[in-house]
Protein backbone atom coordinates (compact mmCIF):
# COMPACT_ATOMS: atom_id res chain seq x y z
CA UNK A 1 4.24 -36.21 16.92
CA UNK A 2 6.72 -34.08 15.05
CA UNK A 3 6.44 -30.38 15.94
CA UNK A 4 6.32 -29.26 12.32
CA UNK A 5 3.62 -31.83 11.47
CA UNK A 6 1.51 -30.85 14.48
CA UNK A 7 1.79 -27.18 13.45
CA UNK A 8 0.53 -28.05 9.97
CA UNK A 9 -2.47 -29.89 11.45
CA UNK A 10 -3.23 -26.91 13.69
CA UNK A 11 -3.10 -24.47 10.77
CA UNK A 12 -4.90 -26.77 8.34
CA UNK A 13 -8.46 -25.42 8.94
CA UNK A 14 -7.37 -21.82 8.38
CA UNK A 15 -5.23 -22.77 5.38
CA UNK A 16 -8.13 -24.66 3.79
CA UNK A 17 -10.42 -21.65 4.17
CA UNK A 18 -7.79 -19.31 2.70
CA UNK A 19 -7.07 -21.62 -0.21
CA UNK A 20 -10.73 -22.18 -1.00
CA UNK A 21 -11.89 -18.58 -0.66
CA UNK A 22 -8.83 -16.73 -1.93
CA UNK A 23 -7.08 -19.09 -4.32
CA UNK A 24 -10.38 -20.54 -5.53
CA UNK A 25 -11.87 -17.11 -6.13
CA UNK A 26 -8.72 -15.95 -7.87
CA UNK A 27 -8.71 -19.00 -10.11
CA UNK A 28 -12.40 -18.54 -10.95
CA UNK A 29 -11.92 -14.86 -11.72
CA UNK A 30 -8.88 -15.55 -13.87
CA UNK A 31 -10.69 -18.27 -15.85
CA UNK A 32 -13.64 -15.93 -16.45
CA UNK A 33 -11.27 -13.16 -17.53
CA UNK A 34 -10.04 -15.57 -20.22
CA UNK A 35 -13.57 -15.98 -21.49
CA UNK A 36 -14.49 -19.28 -19.81
CA UNK A 37 -18.13 -18.72 -18.74
CA UNK A 38 -20.31 -21.80 -19.17
CA UNK A 39 -23.33 -19.82 -17.93
CA UNK A 40 -23.39 -17.92 -21.25
CA UNK A 41 -22.10 -20.83 -23.32
CA UNK A 42 -18.48 -19.67 -23.49
CA UNK A 43 -16.05 -22.55 -23.02
CA UNK A 44 -12.96 -21.28 -24.80
CA UNK A 45 -9.93 -19.45 -23.43
CA UNK A 46 -8.72 -16.23 -25.02
CA UNK A 47 -7.41 -12.74 -24.24
CA UNK A 48 -10.28 -10.85 -25.85
CA UNK A 49 -11.47 -9.32 -22.56
CA UNK A 50 -8.00 -7.93 -21.79
CA UNK A 51 -7.57 -6.52 -25.29
CA UNK A 52 -11.03 -4.90 -25.28
CA UNK A 53 -10.41 -3.46 -21.84
CA UNK A 54 -7.02 -1.96 -22.67
CA UNK A 55 -8.33 -0.51 -25.94
CA UNK A 56 -11.37 1.06 -24.26
CA UNK A 57 -11.18 4.90 -24.08
CA UNK A 58 -11.64 5.05 -20.32
CA UNK A 59 -8.94 2.60 -19.26
CA UNK A 60 -5.82 4.77 -19.48
CA UNK A 61 -7.41 7.82 -17.75
CA UNK A 62 -8.71 5.54 -14.98
CA UNK A 63 -5.29 3.94 -14.58
CA UNK A 64 -3.52 7.31 -14.37
CA UNK A 65 -6.08 8.64 -11.87
CA UNK A 66 -5.73 5.53 -9.72
CA UNK A 67 -1.93 5.80 -9.66
CA UNK A 68 -2.10 9.54 -8.91
CA UNK A 69 -4.50 9.14 -5.97
CA UNK A 70 -2.65 6.14 -4.55
CA UNK A 71 0.79 7.77 -4.71
CA UNK A 72 -0.33 11.18 -3.42
CA UNK A 73 -2.44 9.76 -0.58
CA UNK A 74 0.42 7.51 0.52
CA UNK A 75 3.04 10.28 0.39
CA UNK A 76 0.85 12.76 2.28
CA UNK A 77 -0.03 10.17 4.91
CA UNK A 78 3.63 9.25 5.46
CA UNK A 79 4.84 12.87 5.66
CA UNK A 80 2.10 13.94 8.06
CA UNK A 81 2.51 10.75 10.11
CA UNK A 82 6.23 11.34 10.63
CA UNK A 83 5.64 15.01 11.47
CA UNK A 84 2.94 14.21 14.02
CA UNK A 85 4.98 11.36 15.51
CA UNK A 86 7.88 13.74 16.11
CA UNK A 87 5.46 16.08 17.90
CA UNK A 88 3.71 13.42 19.97
CA UNK A 89 6.97 12.01 21.33
CA UNK A 90 7.45 15.26 23.25
CA UNK A 91 5.76 16.10 26.53
CA UNK A 92 3.15 18.85 26.51
CA UNK A 93 -0.06 19.82 28.28
CA UNK A 94 -3.04 17.78 27.08
CA UNK A 95 -0.94 15.10 25.42
CA UNK A 96 -3.29 12.28 26.50
CA UNK A 97 -6.28 13.99 24.93
CA UNK A 98 -4.36 14.77 21.74
CA UNK A 99 -3.11 11.18 21.56
CA UNK A 100 -6.65 9.86 21.94
CA UNK A 101 -7.96 12.12 19.19
CA UNK A 102 -4.98 11.17 17.03
CA UNK A 103 -5.81 7.48 17.25
CA UNK A 104 -9.56 7.97 16.85
CA UNK A 105 -9.58 7.66 13.00
CA UNK A 106 -8.35 4.07 13.32
CA UNK A 107 -11.71 3.05 14.79
CA UNK A 108 -13.83 4.66 12.08
CA UNK A 109 -14.60 2.65 8.90
CA UNK A 110 -13.59 4.18 5.57
CA UNK A 111 -17.21 4.17 4.43
CA UNK A 112 -18.30 6.27 7.42
CA UNK A 113 -15.48 8.76 6.82
CA UNK A 114 -16.45 9.01 3.14
CA UNK A 115 -20.06 9.82 4.03
CA UNK A 116 -18.84 12.38 6.57
CA UNK A 117 -16.62 14.09 3.99
CA UNK A 118 -19.53 14.13 1.53
CA UNK A 119 -21.81 15.83 4.08
CA UNK A 120 -19.10 18.21 5.23
CA UNK A 121 -17.14 19.53 2.24
CA UNK A 122 -19.40 19.06 -0.78
CA UNK A 123 -20.85 22.20 -2.40
CA UNK A 124 -24.14 21.47 -0.65
CA UNK A 125 -22.47 20.40 2.59
CA UNK A 126 -22.17 21.97 6.00
CA UNK A 127 -19.01 23.95 5.31
CA UNK A 128 -20.42 25.47 2.12
CA UNK A 129 -23.61 26.47 3.90
CA UNK A 130 -21.68 27.92 6.82
CA UNK A 131 -19.46 29.93 4.48
CA UNK A 132 -22.58 31.22 2.73
CA UNK A 133 -24.25 32.19 6.01
CA UNK A 134 -21.27 34.22 7.24
CA UNK A 135 -20.87 35.94 3.87
CA UNK A 136 -17.61 34.35 2.70
CA UNK A 137 -19.30 33.26 -0.52
CA UNK A 138 -22.41 34.60 -2.23
CA UNK A 139 -23.64 31.17 -3.31
CA UNK A 140 -22.90 27.63 -2.03
CA UNK A 141 -21.88 26.70 -5.57
CA UNK A 142 -18.85 29.00 -5.16
CA UNK A 143 -17.43 26.68 -2.51
CA UNK A 144 -14.32 24.84 -3.80
CA UNK A 145 -15.10 21.53 -5.48
CA UNK A 146 -13.58 18.93 -3.16
CA UNK A 147 -15.73 15.92 -4.07
CA UNK A 148 -16.60 14.55 -7.51
CA UNK A 149 -13.60 16.52 -8.78
CA UNK A 150 -11.01 15.73 -11.43
CA UNK A 151 -8.15 15.17 -8.97
CA UNK A 152 -10.04 13.09 -6.40
CA UNK A 153 -9.34 15.55 -3.56
CA UNK A 154 -12.18 14.21 -1.42
CA UNK A 155 -10.96 10.64 -1.90
CA UNK A 156 -7.43 11.64 -0.93
CA UNK A 157 -8.69 13.49 2.17
CA UNK A 158 -10.43 10.35 3.42
CA UNK A 159 -7.40 8.13 2.98
CA UNK A 160 -4.99 10.66 4.50
CA UNK A 161 -7.22 11.22 7.55
CA UNK A 162 -7.57 7.48 8.05
CA UNK A 163 -4.00 6.38 7.43
CA UNK A 164 -1.95 9.11 9.15
CA UNK A 165 -2.40 7.56 12.63
CA UNK A 166 -1.71 4.09 11.21
CA UNK A 167 1.74 5.12 10.02
CA UNK A 168 2.21 7.65 12.82
CA UNK A 169 1.86 5.10 15.59
CA UNK A 170 4.48 2.93 13.92
CA UNK A 171 6.87 5.87 13.60
CA UNK A 172 6.14 6.91 17.18
CA UNK A 173 6.91 3.42 18.46
CA UNK A 174 10.24 3.44 16.61
CA UNK A 175 11.15 6.88 17.97
CA UNK A 176 10.26 5.94 21.54
CA UNK A 177 12.17 2.65 21.37
CA UNK A 178 15.44 4.31 20.37
CA UNK A 179 15.30 7.10 22.96
CA UNK A 180 17.23 10.35 22.63
CA UNK A 181 20.81 9.04 22.60
CA UNK A 182 21.30 9.27 18.83
CA UNK A 183 19.98 12.84 18.69
CA UNK A 184 22.14 13.95 21.58
CA UNK A 185 25.22 12.48 19.95
CA UNK A 186 24.37 14.23 16.67
CA UNK A 187 23.97 17.58 18.44
CA UNK A 188 27.23 17.01 20.25
CA UNK A 189 28.89 16.68 16.85
CA UNK A 190 27.38 19.99 15.75
CA UNK A 191 24.32 18.83 13.79
CA UNK A 192 21.29 21.14 13.69
CA UNK A 193 17.65 19.98 13.94
CA UNK A 194 17.23 19.34 10.21
CA UNK A 195 20.55 17.49 9.92
CA UNK A 196 19.65 15.39 12.95
CA UNK A 197 16.32 14.44 11.39
CA UNK A 198 17.74 13.92 7.89
CA UNK A 199 20.79 11.83 8.77
CA UNK A 200 19.83 10.24 12.11
CA UNK A 201 16.09 9.94 12.71
CA UNK A 202 14.81 9.39 9.16
CA UNK A 203 17.08 6.39 8.36
CA UNK A 204 15.94 4.81 11.61
CA UNK A 205 12.25 5.48 10.93
CA UNK A 206 12.07 4.35 7.29
CA UNK A 207 12.50 0.58 7.94
CA UNK A 208 9.59 0.78 10.38
CA UNK A 209 7.16 2.76 8.23
CA UNK A 210 8.04 1.20 4.88
CA UNK A 211 5.84 -1.92 5.28
CA UNK A 212 2.93 0.21 6.49
CA UNK A 213 3.23 2.64 3.59
CA UNK A 214 3.27 -0.27 1.13
CA UNK A 215 0.07 -1.61 2.71
CA UNK A 216 -1.57 1.81 2.40
CA UNK A 217 -0.57 2.13 -1.24
CA UNK A 218 -1.91 -1.32 -2.12
CA UNK A 219 -5.16 -0.67 -0.24
CA UNK A 220 -5.81 2.72 -1.83
CA UNK A 221 -5.03 1.39 -5.31
CA UNK A 222 -7.59 -1.40 -5.05
CA UNK A 223 -10.16 0.15 -2.70
CA UNK A 224 -13.70 0.65 -3.97
CA UNK A 225 -16.13 2.26 -1.53
CA UNK A 226 -14.48 5.68 -1.09
CA UNK A 227 -13.91 6.47 -4.81
CA UNK A 228 -17.38 5.09 -5.56
CA UNK A 229 -18.97 7.62 -3.18
CA UNK A 230 -16.67 10.62 -3.67
CA UNK A 231 -15.06 10.13 -7.06
CA UNK A 232 -16.03 11.56 -10.41
CA UNK A 233 -18.03 9.36 -12.75
CA UNK A 234 -15.39 9.76 -15.49
CA UNK A 235 -12.61 8.97 -15.24
CA UNK A 236 -13.26 6.62 -12.35
CA UNK A 237 -10.70 4.62 -10.42
CA UNK A 238 -10.05 1.11 -11.70
CA UNK A 239 -11.96 -0.54 -8.85
CA UNK A 240 -15.09 1.48 -9.65
CA UNK A 241 -14.72 0.71 -13.34
CA UNK A 242 -14.46 -2.99 -12.50
CA UNK A 243 -17.63 -2.80 -10.38
CA UNK A 244 -19.57 -1.14 -13.17
CA UNK A 245 -18.53 -3.82 -15.62
CA UNK A 246 -19.38 -6.59 -13.14
CA UNK A 247 -22.88 -5.20 -12.45
CA UNK A 248 -23.64 -4.61 -16.12
CA UNK A 249 -26.85 -6.35 -17.20
CA UNK A 250 -25.00 -7.70 -20.20
CA UNK A 251 -23.12 -10.79 -19.02
CA UNK A 252 -20.73 -10.37 -21.94
CA UNK A 253 -19.11 -7.59 -19.87
CA UNK A 254 -18.34 -10.00 -17.02
CA UNK A 255 -15.02 -11.22 -18.52
CA UNK A 256 -13.86 -7.59 -18.78
CA UNK A 257 -14.77 -7.02 -15.14
CA UNK A 258 -12.72 -10.04 -14.12
CA UNK A 259 -9.89 -8.96 -16.40
CA UNK A 260 -9.92 -5.57 -14.68
CA UNK A 261 -9.70 -7.25 -11.27
CA UNK A 262 -6.75 -9.36 -12.39
CA UNK A 263 -5.04 -6.29 -13.85
CA UNK A 264 -5.55 -4.41 -10.57
CA UNK A 265 -3.86 -7.24 -8.70
CA UNK A 266 -0.98 -7.29 -11.20
CA UNK A 267 -0.59 -3.50 -11.10
CA UNK A 268 -0.55 -3.52 -7.31
CA UNK A 269 2.13 -6.21 -7.27
CA UNK A 270 4.32 -4.39 -9.83
CA UNK A 271 3.92 -0.95 -8.25
CA UNK A 272 4.51 -2.27 -4.74
CA UNK A 273 7.73 -3.94 -5.87
CA UNK A 274 8.80 -0.71 -7.59
CA UNK A 275 7.87 1.35 -4.54
CA UNK A 276 9.75 -1.00 -2.26
CA UNK A 277 12.90 -0.87 -4.44
CA UNK A 278 12.71 2.93 -4.62
CA UNK A 279 12.33 3.18 -0.84
CA UNK A 280 15.29 0.88 -0.28
CA UNK A 281 17.39 2.99 -2.64
CA UNK A 282 16.42 6.11 -0.70
CA UNK A 283 17.30 4.32 2.54
CA UNK A 284 20.75 3.35 1.23
CA UNK A 285 21.43 6.92 0.10
CA UNK A 286 20.30 8.37 3.44
CA UNK A 287 22.48 5.88 5.29
């Protein structure tokens, strides 16, 4: 049997599952977003759900908040990941323990981290109570608002804590694979530490961490559980807004929920392409 044909037969079960679950679900959601819902007697196709959603007062604030949290969480994760990777490549006492603790967040689900942040840094959490007990604040309500806040600080903290080791391990693998030859040559030519990092290490790291940072951005933009637990009720991230529309007792809101889901997918695709082009432009300039 032809090798290509045999490969298709081997992958067929997985491809069928993907097509049925993903493509089928996407097609169903898209058709419902266009108003096709036989369960409520709607058989026509139109853009009413999209128009109503875009005109709703909460859509633009939710979109801006989602973009802000996604961009900031991704940037902070990448910066901290590169900084920690540069540190972990060096030899120091206790490196094995530090490396273990560094990788530990990868094993913890986002939902568990979100609950931990809620118990730890909310105004009724452990840190607020501890600060009150030692006299740093006169009332737990004086503790900084880090959850249910306007900027989504608690949400960003969860994603940064979770994703730093994800990007950091990639950057660390790149740094270890190239050794110290490039840095030594740069120093021989008179480059200082910053110049070595800026013109030698960073251009070599970016191709490795770029795919991971794109994955993080897309995940944060469309994620639901963390902003649902730690985010403010208004404005809420787009994924939370979609969930609220989907669980509305009025089935007439279902097309808007599906329209929101389709818009999230489109926004992710557009922003990822923009982010990728911007990163490539930065890479060309740094090279």
